[in-house]
C-alpha atoms as a PDB file:
ATOM      1  CA  MET A   1     -24.636 -25.825  79.895  1.00  0.00           C
ATOM      2  CA  LYS A   2     -23.566 -22.624  81.608  1.00  0.00           C
ATOM      3  CA  LEU A   3     -25.605 -21.206  84.458  1.00  0.00           C
ATOM      4  CA  THR A   4     -25.203 -17.599  85.653  1.00  0.00           C
ATOM      5  CA  TYR A   5     -26.939 -16.420  88.818  1.00  0.00           C
ATOM      6  CA  LEU A   6     -28.413 -12.935  88.425  1.00  0.00           C
ATOM      7  CA  GLY A   7     -29.814 -12.566  91.940  1.00  0.00           C
ATOM      8  CA  HIS A   8     -33.032 -13.567  93.722  1.00  0.00           C
ATOM      9  CA  SER A   9     -34.399 -16.470  91.597  1.00  0.00           C
ATOM     10  CA  CYS A  10     -33.137 -15.251  88.231  1.00  0.00           C
ATOM     11  CA  PHE A  11     -30.699 -17.331  86.181  1.00  0.00           C
ATOM     12  CA  LEU A  12     -29.301 -17.070  82.681  1.00  0.00           C
ATOM     13  CA  VAL A  13     -28.902 -20.512  81.115  1.00  0.00           C
ATOM     14  CA  GLU A  14     -26.682 -20.835  78.054  1.00  0.00           C
ATOM     15  CA  THR A  15     -26.954 -24.023  76.010  1.00  0.00           C
ATOM     16  CA  SER A  16     -25.401 -24.958  72.683  1.00  0.00           C
ATOM     17  CA  GLN A  17     -28.654 -23.982  70.940  1.00  0.00           C
ATOM     18  CA  ALA A  18     -30.136 -21.083  72.887  1.00  0.00           C
ATOM     19  CA  ARG A  19     -29.914 -18.579  75.726  1.00  0.00           C
ATOM     20  CA  LEU A  20     -32.692 -18.723  78.295  1.00  0.00           C
ATOM     21  CA  ILE A  21     -33.494 -16.511  81.248  1.00  0.00           C
ATOM     22  CA  ILE A  22     -35.520 -17.923  84.129  1.00  0.00           C
ATOM     23  CA  ASP A  23     -37.657 -15.670  86.362  1.00  0.00           C
ATOM     24  CA  PRO A  24     -36.216 -12.325  85.219  1.00  0.00           C
ATOM     25  CA  PHE A  25     -36.308  -9.794  88.039  1.00  0.00           C
ATOM     26  CA  LEU A  26     -33.581  -7.201  87.569  1.00  0.00           C
ATOM     27  CA  THR A  27     -35.411  -3.871  87.642  1.00  0.00           C
ATOM     28  CA  GLY A  28     -35.903  -3.011  91.289  1.00  0.00           C
ATOM     29  CA  ASN A  29     -33.808  -5.957  92.462  1.00  0.00           C
ATOM     30  CA  PRO A  30     -31.374  -4.576  95.069  1.00  0.00           C
ATOM     31  CA  VAL A  31     -28.850  -7.408  94.588  1.00  0.00           C
ATOM     32  CA  ALA A  32     -28.854  -7.567  90.774  1.00  0.00           C
ATOM     33  CA  THR A  33     -25.590  -6.734  89.023  1.00  0.00           C
ATOM     34  CA  LEU A  34     -27.128  -6.422  85.537  1.00  0.00           C
ATOM     35  CA  LYS A  35     -29.977  -4.400  84.079  1.00  0.00           C
ATOM     36  CA  ALA A  36     -32.810  -5.854  82.012  1.00  0.00           C
ATOM     37  CA  GLU A  37     -31.460  -4.113  78.918  1.00  0.00           C
ATOM     38  CA  ASP A  38     -28.164  -6.005  79.348  1.00  0.00           C
ATOM     39  CA  ILE A  39     -29.904  -9.344  78.738  1.00  0.00           C
ATOM     40  CA  ALA A  40     -29.916 -11.085  75.364  1.00  0.00           C
ATOM     41  CA  CYS A  41     -31.897 -14.314  75.186  1.00  0.00           C
ATOM     42  CA  ASP A  42     -34.082 -16.513  73.000  1.00  0.00           C
ATOM     43  CA  TYR A  43     -36.545 -17.727  75.647  1.00  0.00           C
ATOM     44  CA  VAL A  44     -37.954 -16.417  78.919  1.00  0.00           C
ATOM     45  CA  LEU A  45     -39.075 -19.138  81.352  1.00  0.00           C
ATOM     46  CA  LEU A  46     -41.393 -18.189  84.214  1.00  0.00           C
ATOM     47  CA  SER A  47     -42.222 -20.244  87.289  1.00  0.00           C
ATOM     48  CA  HIS A  48     -45.158 -18.067  88.387  1.00  0.00           C
ATOM     49  CA  GLY A  49     -46.680 -14.637  88.074  1.00  0.00           C
ATOM     50  CA  HIS A  50     -45.287 -12.665  91.010  1.00  0.00           C
ATOM     51  CA  ASP A  51     -43.494  -9.500  89.991  1.00  0.00           C
ATOM     52  CA  ASP A  52     -40.218 -10.569  91.606  1.00  0.00           C
ATOM     53  CA  HIS A  53     -40.127 -13.433  89.073  1.00  0.00           C
ATOM     54  CA  SER A  54     -41.820 -11.990  85.981  1.00  0.00           C
ATOM     55  CA  GLY A  55     -41.188  -8.261  86.322  1.00  0.00           C
ATOM     56  CA  ASP A  56     -38.806  -7.955  83.379  1.00  0.00           C
ATOM     57  CA  ALA A  57     -40.312 -10.733  81.254  1.00  0.00           C
ATOM     58  CA  LEU A  58     -42.240  -8.522  78.844  1.00  0.00           C
ATOM     59  CA  PRO A  59     -39.578  -5.892  78.062  1.00  0.00           C
ATOM     60  CA  ILE A  60     -36.883  -8.552  77.632  1.00  0.00           C
ATOM     61  CA  ALA A  61     -39.116 -10.722  75.430  1.00  0.00           C
ATOM     62  CA  GLN A  62     -40.189  -7.821  73.249  1.00  0.00           C
ATOM     63  CA  ARG A  63     -36.701  -6.368  72.839  1.00  0.00           C
ATOM     64  CA  CYS A  64     -35.083  -9.753  72.092  1.00  0.00           C
ATOM     65  CA  GLY A  65     -37.960 -11.312  70.164  1.00  0.00           C
ATOM     66  CA  ALA A  66     -37.858 -14.082  72.772  1.00  0.00           C
ATOM     67  CA  THR A  67     -40.652 -16.536  73.516  1.00  0.00           C
ATOM     68  CA  ILE A  68     -42.139 -16.550  77.019  1.00  0.00           C
ATOM     69  CA  VAL A  69     -42.684 -20.111  78.299  1.00  0.00           C
ATOM     70  CA  ALA A  70     -44.973 -20.364  81.304  1.00  0.00           C
ATOM     71  CA  ASN A  71     -48.244 -21.792  82.540  1.00  0.00           C
ATOM     72  CA  PHE A  72     -51.256 -21.196  80.308  1.00  0.00           C
ATOM     73  CA  GLU A  73     -52.666 -18.199  82.196  1.00  0.00           C
ATOM     74  CA  ILE A  74     -49.326 -16.374  82.341  1.00  0.00           C
ATOM     75  CA  ALA A  75     -48.693 -17.099  78.665  1.00  0.00           C
ATOM     76  CA  GLU A  76     -52.103 -15.708  77.711  1.00  0.00           C
ATOM     77  CA  TYR A  77     -51.575 -12.643  79.927  1.00  0.00           C
ATOM     78  CA  PHE A  78     -48.324 -11.740  78.170  1.00  0.00           C
ATOM     79  CA  ALA A  79     -49.631 -12.729  74.726  1.00  0.00           C
ATOM     80  CA  ALA A  80     -52.378 -10.133  75.203  1.00  0.00           C
ATOM     81  CA  LYS A  81     -49.618  -7.580  75.756  1.00  0.00           C
ATOM     82  CA  GLY A  82     -47.940  -8.487  72.466  1.00  0.00           C
ATOM     83  CA  ALA A  83     -45.331 -11.081  73.469  1.00  0.00           C
ATOM     84  CA  LYS A  84     -44.624 -14.382  71.759  1.00  0.00           C
ATOM     85  CA  THR A  85     -45.595 -17.091  74.216  1.00  0.00           C
ATOM     86  CA  HIS A  86     -45.859 -20.832  74.689  1.00  0.00           C
ATOM     87  CA  GLY A  87     -48.365 -21.915  77.337  1.00  0.00           C
ATOM     88  CA  MET A  88     -48.041 -25.122  79.331  1.00  0.00           C
ATOM     89  CA  ASN A  89     -49.239 -26.546  82.647  1.00  0.00           C
ATOM     90  CA  PRO A  90     -47.882 -28.756  85.451  1.00  0.00           C
ATOM     91  CA  GLY A  91     -47.101 -32.280  84.315  1.00  0.00           C
ATOM     92  CA  GLY A  92     -46.843 -31.250  80.680  1.00  0.00           C
ATOM     93  CA  GLY A  93     -43.638 -31.104  78.676  1.00  0.00           C
ATOM     94  CA  TYR A  94     -42.631 -29.803  75.252  1.00  0.00           C
ATOM     95  CA  ASN A  95     -39.645 -30.349  72.976  1.00  0.00           C
ATOM     96  CA  PHE A  96     -38.208 -26.983  71.968  1.00  0.00           C
ATOM     97  CA  PRO A  97     -35.343 -26.571  69.470  1.00  0.00           C
ATOM     98  CA  PHE A  98     -32.849 -26.302  72.351  1.00  0.00           C
ATOM     99  CA  GLY A  99     -34.215 -29.171  74.463  1.00  0.00           C
ATOM    100  CA  ARG A 100     -37.199 -30.200  76.578  1.00  0.00           C
ATOM    101  CA  VAL A 101     -39.097 -28.188  79.184  1.00  0.00           C
ATOM    102  CA  LYS A 102     -41.487 -29.793  81.648  1.00  0.00           C
ATOM    103  CA  LEU A 103     -43.454 -27.937  84.308  1.00  0.00           C
ATOM    104  CA  THR A 104     -43.731 -29.504  87.741  1.00  0.00           C
ATOM    105  CA  LEU A 105     -45.764 -28.893  90.846  1.00  0.00           C
ATOM    106  CA  ALA A 106     -44.907 -26.061  93.220  1.00  0.00           C
ATOM    107  CA  HIS A 107     -46.804 -25.043  96.349  1.00  0.00           C
ATOM    108  CA  HIS A 108     -47.086 -21.261  96.405  1.00  0.00           C
ATOM    109  CA  SER A 109     -49.353 -18.604  94.839  1.00  0.00           C
ATOM    110  CA  SER A 110     -49.272 -16.741  91.528  1.00  0.00           C
ATOM    111  CA  SER A 111     -50.599 -13.263  90.806  1.00  0.00           C
ATOM    112  CA  LEU A 112     -49.817  -9.785  89.517  1.00  0.00           C
ATOM    113  CA  GLU A 113     -51.035  -6.300  90.383  1.00  0.00           C
ATOM    114  CA  VAL A 114     -51.573  -7.359  93.973  1.00  0.00           C
ATOM    115  CA  GLY A 115     -53.994  -5.149  95.891  1.00  0.00           C
ATOM    116  CA  LEU A 116     -57.752  -5.083  96.125  1.00  0.00           C
ATOM    117  CA  SER A 117     -58.162  -6.777  92.728  1.00  0.00           C
ATOM    118  CA  PRO A 118     -55.128  -8.973  92.027  1.00  0.00           C
ATOM    119  CA  ILE A 119     -54.895 -10.845  88.734  1.00  0.00           C
ATOM    120  CA  TYR A 120     -54.474 -14.522  89.537  1.00  0.00           C
ATOM    121  CA  LEU A 121     -52.321 -16.300  87.018  1.00  0.00           C
ATOM    122  CA  GLY A 122     -52.810 -20.032  87.314  1.00  0.00           C
ATOM    123  CA  SER A 123     -50.754 -22.607  89.155  1.00  0.00           C
ATOM    124  CA  PRO A 124     -47.217 -21.857  90.301  1.00  0.00           C
ATOM    125  CA  CYS A 125     -44.704 -24.265  88.795  1.00  0.00           C
ATOM    126  CA  GLY A 126     -41.225 -25.642  88.961  1.00  0.00           C
ATOM    127  CA  ILE A 127     -39.252 -26.028  85.746  1.00  0.00           C
ATOM    128  CA  LEU A 128     -37.410 -29.127  84.521  1.00  0.00           C
ATOM    129  CA  LEU A 129     -35.050 -28.247  81.688  1.00  0.00           C
ATOM    130  CA  GLN A 130     -33.198 -30.883  79.667  1.00  0.00           C
ATOM    131  CA  ALA A 131     -30.573 -29.651  77.190  1.00  0.00           C
ATOM    132  CA  ASP A 132     -27.096 -30.669  76.072  1.00  0.00           C
ATOM    133  CA  GLY A 133     -27.392 -33.937  77.970  1.00  0.00           C
ATOM    134  CA  ARG A 134     -27.974 -32.125  81.279  1.00  0.00           C
ATOM    135  CA  THR A 135     -31.061 -31.834  83.484  1.00  0.00           C
ATOM    136  CA  LEU A 136     -31.747 -28.693  85.491  1.00  0.00           C
ATOM    137  CA  TYR A 137     -34.550 -28.209  88.026  1.00  0.00           C
ATOM    138  CA  HIS A 138     -35.627 -24.696  88.989  1.00  0.00           C
ATOM    139  CA  ALA A 139     -38.014 -25.195  91.902  1.00  0.00           C
ATOM    140  CA  GLY A 140     -39.611 -21.764  91.617  1.00  0.00           C
ATOM    141  CA  ASP A 141     -41.122 -20.459  94.826  1.00  0.00           C
ATOM    142  CA  THR A 142     -42.313 -23.480  96.729  1.00  0.00           C
ATOM    143  CA  ALA A 143     -42.833 -25.195 100.023  1.00  0.00           C
ATOM    144  CA  LEU A 144     -41.315 -28.615 100.583  1.00  0.00           C
ATOM    145  CA  PHE A 145     -43.468 -31.397  99.139  1.00  0.00           C
ATOM    146  CA  LEU A 146     -43.064 -35.155  99.071  1.00  0.00           C
ATOM    147  CA  ASP A 147     -43.393 -35.464  95.282  1.00  0.00           C
ATOM    148  CA  MET A 148     -39.939 -33.930  94.964  1.00  0.00           C
ATOM    149  CA  GLN A 149     -38.849 -37.548  95.207  1.00  0.00           C
ATOM    150  CA  LEU A 150     -40.478 -38.131  91.810  1.00  0.00           C
ATOM    151  CA  ILE A 151     -38.805 -35.055  90.329  1.00  0.00           C
ATOM    152  CA  GLY A 152     -35.471 -36.408  91.516  1.00  0.00           C
ATOM    153  CA  ARG A 153     -35.986 -39.520  89.403  1.00  0.00           C
ATOM    154  CA  ALA A 154     -35.196 -37.396  86.363  1.00  0.00           C
ATOM    155  CA  GLY A 155     -31.537 -37.583  87.423  1.00  0.00           C
ATOM    156  CA  LEU A 156     -30.770 -33.964  88.257  1.00  0.00           C
ATOM    157  CA  ASP A 157     -27.433 -32.442  87.375  1.00  0.00           C
ATOM    158  CA  VAL A 158     -28.356 -29.229  89.183  1.00  0.00           C
ATOM    159  CA  ALA A 159     -31.238 -28.091  91.410  1.00  0.00           C
ATOM    160  CA  LEU A 160     -32.004 -24.437  92.088  1.00  0.00           C
ATOM    161  CA  LEU A 161     -33.770 -24.234  95.448  1.00  0.00           C
ATOM    162  CA  PRO A 162     -35.279 -21.382  97.469  1.00  0.00           C
ATOM    163  CA  ILE A 163     -33.935 -21.091 101.021  1.00  0.00           C
ATOM    164  CA  GLY A 164     -35.292 -17.712 102.124  1.00  0.00           C
ATOM    165  CA  ASP A 165     -38.119 -18.956 104.385  1.00  0.00           C
ATOM    166  CA  ASN A 166     -41.172 -16.744 105.096  1.00  0.00           C
ATOM    167  CA  TYR A 167     -42.540 -17.077 101.530  1.00  0.00           C
ATOM    168  CA  THR A 168     -40.889 -20.372 100.542  1.00  0.00           C
ATOM    169  CA  MET A 169     -38.872 -23.229 101.988  1.00  0.00           C
ATOM    170  CA  GLY A 170     -36.283 -22.225 104.533  1.00  0.00           C
ATOM    171  CA  PRO A 171     -32.910 -23.913 105.029  1.00  0.00           C
ATOM    172  CA  ASP A 172     -34.280 -26.805 107.101  1.00  0.00           C
ATOM    173  CA  ASP A 173     -36.869 -27.788 104.508  1.00  0.00           C
ATOM    174  CA  ALA A 174     -34.406 -27.174 101.668  1.00  0.00           C
ATOM    175  CA  LEU A 175     -32.077 -29.746 103.253  1.00  0.00           C
ATOM    176  CA  LEU A 176     -34.918 -32.266 103.182  1.00  0.00           C
ATOM    177  CA  ALA A 177     -35.569 -31.300  99.571  1.00  0.00           C
ATOM    178  CA  LEU A 178     -31.978 -32.234  98.767  1.00  0.00           C
ATOM    179  CA  ASP A 179     -32.596 -35.680 100.266  1.00  0.00           C
ATOM    180  CA  PHE A 180     -35.616 -36.078  97.972  1.00  0.00           C
ATOM    181  CA  LEU A 181     -34.071 -34.616  94.810  1.00  0.00           C
ATOM    182  CA  LYS A 182     -30.506 -35.937  95.053  1.00  0.00           C
ATOM    183  CA  PRO A 183     -28.969 -33.472  92.561  1.00  0.00           C
ATOM    184  CA  LYS A 184     -25.285 -33.587  91.703  1.00  0.00           C
ATOM    185  CA  VAL A 185     -25.080 -29.965  92.778  1.00  0.00           C
ATOM    186  CA  ALA A 186     -27.591 -27.481  94.193  1.00  0.00           C
ATOM    187  CA  VAL A 187     -27.632 -23.680  94.081  1.00  0.00           C
ATOM    188  CA  PRO A 188     -29.614 -21.715  96.697  1.00  0.00           C
ATOM    189  CA  MET A 189     -31.851 -18.868  95.549  1.00  0.00           C
ATOM    190  CA  HIS A 190     -34.630 -16.536  96.753  1.00  0.00           C
ATOM    191  CA  TYR A 191     -32.732 -15.222  99.763  1.00  0.00           C
ATOM    192  CA  ASN A 192     -31.143 -11.959 101.001  1.00  0.00           C
ATOM    193  CA  THR A 193     -33.066  -9.778  98.562  1.00  0.00           C
ATOM    194  CA  TRP A 194     -35.007  -8.212 101.443  1.00  0.00           C
ATOM    195  CA  PRO A 195     -34.850  -8.580 105.246  1.00  0.00           C
ATOM    196  CA  PRO A 196     -37.750 -11.094 105.568  1.00  0.00           C
ATOM    197  CA  ILE A 197     -35.766 -13.631 103.515  1.00  0.00           C
ATOM    198  CA  ALA A 198     -32.300 -13.015 104.968  1.00  0.00           C
ATOM    199  CA  GLN A 199     -30.269 -16.238 105.116  1.00  0.00           C
ATOM    200  CA  ASP A 200     -26.648 -17.384 105.288  1.00  0.00           C
ATOM    201  CA  ALA A 201     -26.152 -19.371 102.083  1.00  0.00           C
ATOM    202  CA  ASP A 202     -22.631 -20.424 103.030  1.00  0.00           C
ATOM    203  CA  ALA A 203     -23.920 -21.873 106.303  1.00  0.00           C
ATOM    204  CA  PHE A 204     -26.591 -23.729 104.333  1.00  0.00           C
ATOM    205  CA  ALA A 205     -23.925 -25.134 102.018  1.00  0.00           C
ATOM    206  CA  ALA A 206     -21.878 -26.298 105.001  1.00  0.00           C
ATOM    207  CA  ARG A 207     -24.887 -28.027 106.559  1.00  0.00           C
ATOM    208  CA  ALA A 208     -25.672 -29.680 103.249  1.00  0.00           C
ATOM    209  CA  ALA A 209     -22.097 -30.963 102.973  1.00  0.00           C
ATOM    210  CA  THR A 210     -22.389 -32.739 106.321  1.00  0.00           C
ATOM    211  CA  ALA A 211     -25.472 -34.513 104.928  1.00  0.00           C
ATOM    212  CA  GLY A 212     -23.584 -35.593 101.804  1.00  0.00           C
ATOM    213  CA  HIS A 213     -24.869 -32.934  99.386  1.00  0.00           C
ATOM    214  CA  THR A 214     -22.910 -30.497  97.222  1.00  0.00           C
ATOM    215  CA  VAL A 215     -24.177 -26.925  97.324  1.00  0.00           C
ATOM    216  CA  ARG A 216     -22.637 -23.975  95.494  1.00  0.00           C
ATOM    217  CA  ALA A 217     -23.699 -20.642  96.961  1.00  0.00           C
ATOM    218  CA  LEU A 218     -23.283 -18.324  93.974  1.00  0.00           C
ATOM    219  CA  ARG A 219     -23.168 -14.568  94.287  1.00  0.00           C
ATOM    220  CA  ALA A 220     -25.027 -12.458  91.733  1.00  0.00           C
ATOM    221  CA  GLY A 221     -22.988 -12.483  88.541  1.00  0.00           C
ATOM    222  CA  GLN A 222     -21.170 -15.748  89.265  1.00  0.00           C
ATOM    223  CA  ALA A 223     -21.450 -18.669  86.854  1.00  0.00           C
ATOM    224  CA  LEU A 224     -21.391 -22.451  87.061  1.00  0.00           C
ATOM    225  CA  GLU A 225     -20.636 -24.931  84.286  1.00  0.00           C
ATOM    226  CA  VAL A 226     -22.944 -27.934  84.558  1.00  0.00           C
END
């Protein structure tokens, strides 16, 4: 399994059977090194509805003929716009041709077209992905929660964790999350896109190392073999 960080919370995951993009936000992303039209994939996985996680989901899915996998409300929203979708909900899993996807809890919010009449799009989720004998956890946007200990029982090869603070966990809570999850390696995300979520990922990695955890702070465009 090859994992390429595309900035913010967006990752391209390449397995032996498929290419998947998680939380595609490239258009309007000031740290992205690729454009949405550069992406080729078979599946689009979404943790929640916010535009900085789903903004490029529809154009990528339609251009590539990819299936959007997300919670039921998000799947129905994009299905109504003409995309192929597969709806799920937290606690549920499904065996796809490339492997298994299970949605987990996340403590956040989920909406689009925010303003006087936002469209609320179901529960925010984390994503557990099992493929090629590896298990990946994308936490989505979330606060720290104790049930991460249960997620860690899956035996995580890699955990993708927000560290930006303000909207999600900050570095202190992300360190506690590492204690709960116990991944072989963690990659920080959802930071430095805008000033309210400015963080030093290298400093976070150094703090994690002193606590016995391995953290790889990837820059946009860098890849990791899992």
